[in-house]
Amino acid sequence: MWSKSMFGSGARRGGSTGDDGCGSAAAAAKPPRPIDQTLIHEMAKRYLERYEANAHRVENFLAQKIARGLRAGWYAEVDPDALSAMIATTVSTAQRIGLIDDKGYAGRRAASLSRRGKSASRIALDLRSRGVDADLTQSAIAETETTDAERARLLARRKRIGPWRSVARAENRDKDIARLCRAGFSPGLAKSVIDAPLPDSDGEGAPPLSE
């Protein structure tokens, strides 16, 4: 049975970089290894020692890793339905003991992207591409407690555009607005952020671009 003790004291990230379960070049000469629950547990264990992931990403990793091993002749052929069942069992076990937490994963990912000035639409696209369902995606974005206006200002500040430009602000206005639009912010919001005065918390303050 899988348990947290299998993971030792190492964190998910920065764990062992040893054999990942697919063997080495020398193993190609050995008889193919049967695919069983233990093998799949080992693969998931090593992956989760190195990366934080949700159920969808772990399932994809396991399926792709085994497919590569089958093509290379490292593993004996296995019934696809039996393989799917073993992967599902491993993922379910990891969820039950807290090694996979889809809600926590989505929340931390959304918060990280929000702090980087990503728009809500870009955060949603990122989470959905990682297999997070629509309801959990919206919940994770809401829990950041950050508006798109705040995210747009964060991005403008990080990129030193709009009010944070030290020179040639007017000449770069259209370019700066386009940059925020490409990041997923609406044209109206992009214009309001780029044309706004520099917030007092960022210095002496500057007049709006229109003045």
Protein backbone atom coordinates (compact mmCIF):
# COMPACT_ATOMS: atom_id res chain seq x y z
CA MET A 1 0.00 0.00 0.00
CA TRP A 2 1.17 3.49 -0.85
CA SER A 3 1.79 5.88 2.03
CA LYS A 4 3.48 9.19 2.73
CA SER A 5 6.38 7.31 4.30
CA MET A 6 7.35 6.13 0.82
CA PHE A 7 8.32 9.73 0.07
CA GLY A 8 10.78 10.06 2.93
CA SER A 9 11.61 13.54 4.20
CA GLY A 10 12.21 15.11 0.79
CA ALA A 11 9.93 17.82 -0.56
CA ARG A 12 8.04 17.42 -3.79
CA ARG A 13 10.42 19.74 -5.57
CA GLY A 14 14.13 19.10 -5.80
CA GLY A 15 13.85 15.40 -5.02
CA SER A 16 15.91 12.53 -6.32
CA THR A 17 17.05 12.79 -9.91
CA GLY A 18 17.87 9.11 -10.19
CA ASP A 19 16.22 6.42 -12.31
CA ASP A 20 12.65 7.41 -13.13
CA GLY A 21 11.28 3.90 -13.55
CA CYS A 22 11.98 3.62 -17.27
CA GLY A 23 15.40 2.10 -16.70
CA SER A 24 18.64 2.95 -18.47
CA ALA A 25 20.17 2.09 -21.81
CA ALA A 26 21.71 -1.00 -20.27
CA ALA A 27 18.28 -2.19 -19.20
CA ALA A 28 17.24 -2.56 -22.84
CA ALA A 29 19.03 -5.91 -22.95
CA LYS A 30 17.00 -7.23 -20.01
CA PRO A 31 13.61 -8.91 -20.36
CA PRO A 32 10.78 -6.35 -20.44
CA ARG A 33 9.52 -5.50 -16.98
CA PRO A 34 5.88 -6.36 -16.33
CA ILE A 35 3.71 -3.32 -15.75
CA ASP A 36 2.06 -3.61 -12.37
CA GLN A 37 0.72 -1.39 -9.61
CA THR A 38 4.09 -1.20 -7.88
CA LEU A 39 5.80 0.15 -10.98
CA ILE A 40 3.14 2.82 -11.47
CA HIS A 41 3.33 3.80 -7.81
CA GLU A 42 7.11 4.18 -8.15
CA MET A 43 6.75 6.42 -11.20
CA ALA A 44 4.18 8.63 -9.49
CA LYS A 45 6.28 8.77 -6.32
CA ARG A 46 9.33 10.06 -8.15
CA TYR A 47 7.30 12.57 -10.13
CA LEU A 48 5.56 13.99 -7.06
CA GLU A 49 8.88 14.24 -5.21
CA ARG A 50 10.00 16.69 -7.88
CA TYR A 51 6.85 18.50 -8.97
CA GLU A 52 3.55 19.72 -7.61
CA ALA A 53 0.76 18.50 -9.86
CA ASN A 54 -2.95 17.89 -9.97
CA ALA A 55 -4.60 14.57 -10.82
CA HIS A 56 -4.85 15.38 -14.52
CA ARG A 57 -1.14 16.09 -14.88
CA VAL A 58 -0.12 12.98 -12.93
CA GLU A 59 -2.41 10.81 -15.08
CA ASN A 60 -0.94 12.29 -18.27
CA PHE A 61 2.61 11.86 -17.02
CA LEU A 62 2.07 8.20 -16.15
CA ALA A 63 0.36 7.39 -19.45
CA GLN A 64 3.08 9.10 -21.49
CA LYS A 65 5.92 7.58 -19.47
CA ILE A 66 4.55 4.08 -19.88
CA ALA A 67 3.87 4.62 -23.59
CA ARG A 68 7.51 5.62 -24.11
CA GLY A 69 8.67 2.58 -22.18
CA LEU A 70 6.50 0.27 -24.26
CA ARG A 71 7.86 1.72 -27.50
CA ALA A 72 11.41 1.27 -26.23
CA GLY A 73 10.76 -2.33 -25.21
CA TRP A 74 11.41 -1.69 -21.51
CA TYR A 75 7.99 -2.95 -20.45
CA ALA A 76 5.91 -5.97 -21.32
CA GLU A 77 2.67 -5.35 -23.17
CA VAL A 78 -0.32 -4.64 -20.95
CA ASP A 79 -4.07 -4.55 -21.50
CA PRO A 80 -5.08 -0.87 -21.97
CA ASP A 81 -8.08 -1.19 -19.65
CA ALA A 82 -5.95 -2.78 -16.95
CA LEU A 83 -3.36 -0.01 -17.34
CA SER A 84 -6.02 2.70 -17.04
CA ALA A 85 -7.34 1.05 -13.89
CA MET A 86 -3.87 0.89 -12.32
CA ILE A 87 -3.19 4.56 -13.11
CA ALA A 88 -6.57 5.52 -11.63
CA THR A 89 -5.80 3.52 -8.48
CA THR A 90 -2.44 5.23 -8.02
CA VAL A 91 -3.90 8.71 -8.51
CA SER A 92 -6.83 7.96 -6.20
CA THR A 93 -4.48 6.71 -3.49
CA ALA A 94 -2.28 9.80 -3.79
CA GLN A 95 -5.35 12.02 -3.49
CA ARG A 96 -6.60 10.15 -0.44
CA ILE A 97 -3.36 10.61 1.49
CA GLY A 98 -2.98 14.24 0.43
CA LEU A 99 -0.14 13.97 -2.07
CA ILE A 100 -2.40 15.25 -4.84
CA ASP A 101 -4.66 18.18 -3.97
CA ASP A 102 -6.43 19.61 -7.00
CA LYS A 103 -8.04 22.50 -5.11
CA GLY A 104 -4.80 23.52 -3.43
CA TYR A 105 -2.89 23.18 -6.69
CA ALA A 106 -5.35 25.41 -8.55
CA GLY A 107 -5.38 27.99 -5.77
CA ARG A 108 -1.60 28.24 -5.54
CA ARG A 109 -1.22 28.40 -9.31
CA ALA A 110 -3.85 31.13 -9.63
CA ALA A 111 -2.30 33.15 -6.80
CA SER A 112 1.17 32.90 -8.34
CA LEU A 113 -0.05 34.04 -11.76
CA SER A 114 -2.09 36.84 -10.21
CA ARG A 115 0.98 38.16 -8.38
CA ARG A 116 2.78 38.26 -11.73
CA GLY A 117 0.08 40.47 -13.21
CA LYS A 118 -1.69 37.86 -15.32
CA SER A 119 -5.26 38.71 -16.27
CA ALA A 120 -8.17 36.58 -15.09
CA SER A 121 -8.66 35.30 -18.64
CA ARG A 122 -5.01 34.24 -18.90
CA ILE A 123 -5.14 32.56 -15.50
CA ALA A 124 -8.26 30.67 -16.57
CA LEU A 125 -6.60 29.53 -19.80
CA ASP A 126 -3.55 28.35 -17.89
CA LEU A 127 -5.57 26.37 -15.34
CA ARG A 128 -7.85 24.80 -17.95
CA SER A 129 -4.81 23.75 -19.99
CA ARG A 130 -3.60 21.92 -16.87
CA GLY A 131 -6.82 19.97 -16.54
CA VAL A 132 -8.49 22.09 -13.85
CA ASP A 133 -12.26 22.04 -14.33
CA ALA A 134 -14.27 25.21 -14.95
CA ASP A 135 -15.81 25.51 -11.48
CA LEU A 136 -12.51 25.01 -9.68
CA THR A 137 -10.84 27.46 -12.06
CA GLN A 138 -13.34 30.21 -11.27
CA SER A 139 -13.13 29.48 -7.55
CA ALA A 140 -9.33 29.65 -7.59
CA ILE A 141 -9.36 32.99 -9.43
CA ALA A 142 -11.94 34.43 -7.03
CA GLU A 143 -9.87 33.35 -4.03
CA THR A 144 -6.93 35.48 -5.19
CA GLU A 145 -9.07 38.47 -4.07
CA THR A 146 -7.40 40.53 -6.79
CA THR A 147 -9.20 42.44 -9.54
CA ASP A 148 -8.07 42.68 -13.14
CA ALA A 149 -7.44 46.39 -12.57
CA GLU A 150 -4.96 45.51 -9.82
CA ARG A 151 -3.37 42.82 -11.97
CA ALA A 152 -3.00 45.24 -14.90
CA ARG A 153 -1.27 47.78 -12.65
CA LEU A 154 1.02 45.05 -11.33
CA LEU A 155 2.01 44.09 -14.86
CA ALA A 156 2.54 47.70 -15.92
CA ARG A 157 4.74 48.27 -12.89
CA ARG A 158 6.75 45.09 -13.50
CA LYS A 159 7.33 46.02 -17.13
CA ARG A 160 7.95 49.70 -16.33
CA ILE A 161 5.35 50.92 -18.80
CA GLY A 162 2.70 53.63 -18.66
CA PRO A 163 2.99 55.65 -15.42
CA TRP A 164 6.18 53.78 -14.55
CA ARG A 165 8.07 54.86 -17.67
CA SER A 166 10.84 57.29 -16.84
CA VAL A 167 11.04 58.74 -20.37
CA ALA A 168 9.05 58.92 -23.61
CA ARG A 169 5.77 58.01 -21.96
CA ALA A 170 3.54 59.75 -24.52
CA GLU A 171 5.47 58.32 -27.46
CA ASN A 172 4.99 54.78 -26.13
CA ARG A 173 1.34 55.12 -25.07
CA ASP A 174 -0.18 53.07 -27.88
CA LYS A 175 2.52 50.42 -27.58
CA ASP A 176 1.95 50.13 -23.83
CA ILE A 177 -1.83 49.85 -24.22
CA ALA A 178 -1.36 47.12 -26.83
CA ARG A 179 0.94 45.26 -24.47
CA LEU A 180 -1.71 45.12 -21.76
CA CYS A 181 -4.36 44.09 -24.30
CA ARG A 182 -2.16 41.22 -25.47
CA ALA A 183 -1.91 40.14 -21.83
CA GLY A 184 -5.69 39.66 -21.77
CA PHE A 185 -6.87 42.97 -20.34
CA SER A 186 -9.71 44.89 -21.98
CA PRO A 187 -8.85 47.96 -24.11
CA GLY A 188 -10.71 50.24 -21.71
CA LEU A 189 -8.85 48.93 -18.69
CA ALA A 190 -5.53 49.04 -20.52
CA LYS A 191 -6.06 52.70 -21.43
CA SER A 192 -7.05 53.66 -17.89
CA VAL A 193 -3.94 52.02 -16.42
CA ILE A 194 -1.53 53.43 -18.99
CA ASP A 195 -3.01 56.96 -18.83
CA ALA A 196 -3.24 57.10 -15.03
CA PRO A 197 -0.89 59.14 -12.83
CA LEU A 198 1.82 57.31 -10.96
CA PRO A 199 0.35 56.13 -7.62
CA ASP A 200 1.61 58.09 -4.62
CA SER A 201 2.96 54.88 -3.11
CA ASP A 202 5.40 54.62 -6.01
CA GLY A 203 6.98 58.02 -5.62
CA GLU A 204 6.14 61.68 -5.86
CA GLY A 205 3.26 60.99 -8.19
CA ALA A 206 2.83 62.10 -11.78
CA PRO A 207 -0.04 63.80 -13.57
CA PRO A 208 -2.30 61.81 -15.88
CA LEU A 209 -1.02 61.54 -19.44
CA SER A 210 -3.92 63.67 -20.67
CA GLU A 211 -2.87 66.70 -18.62
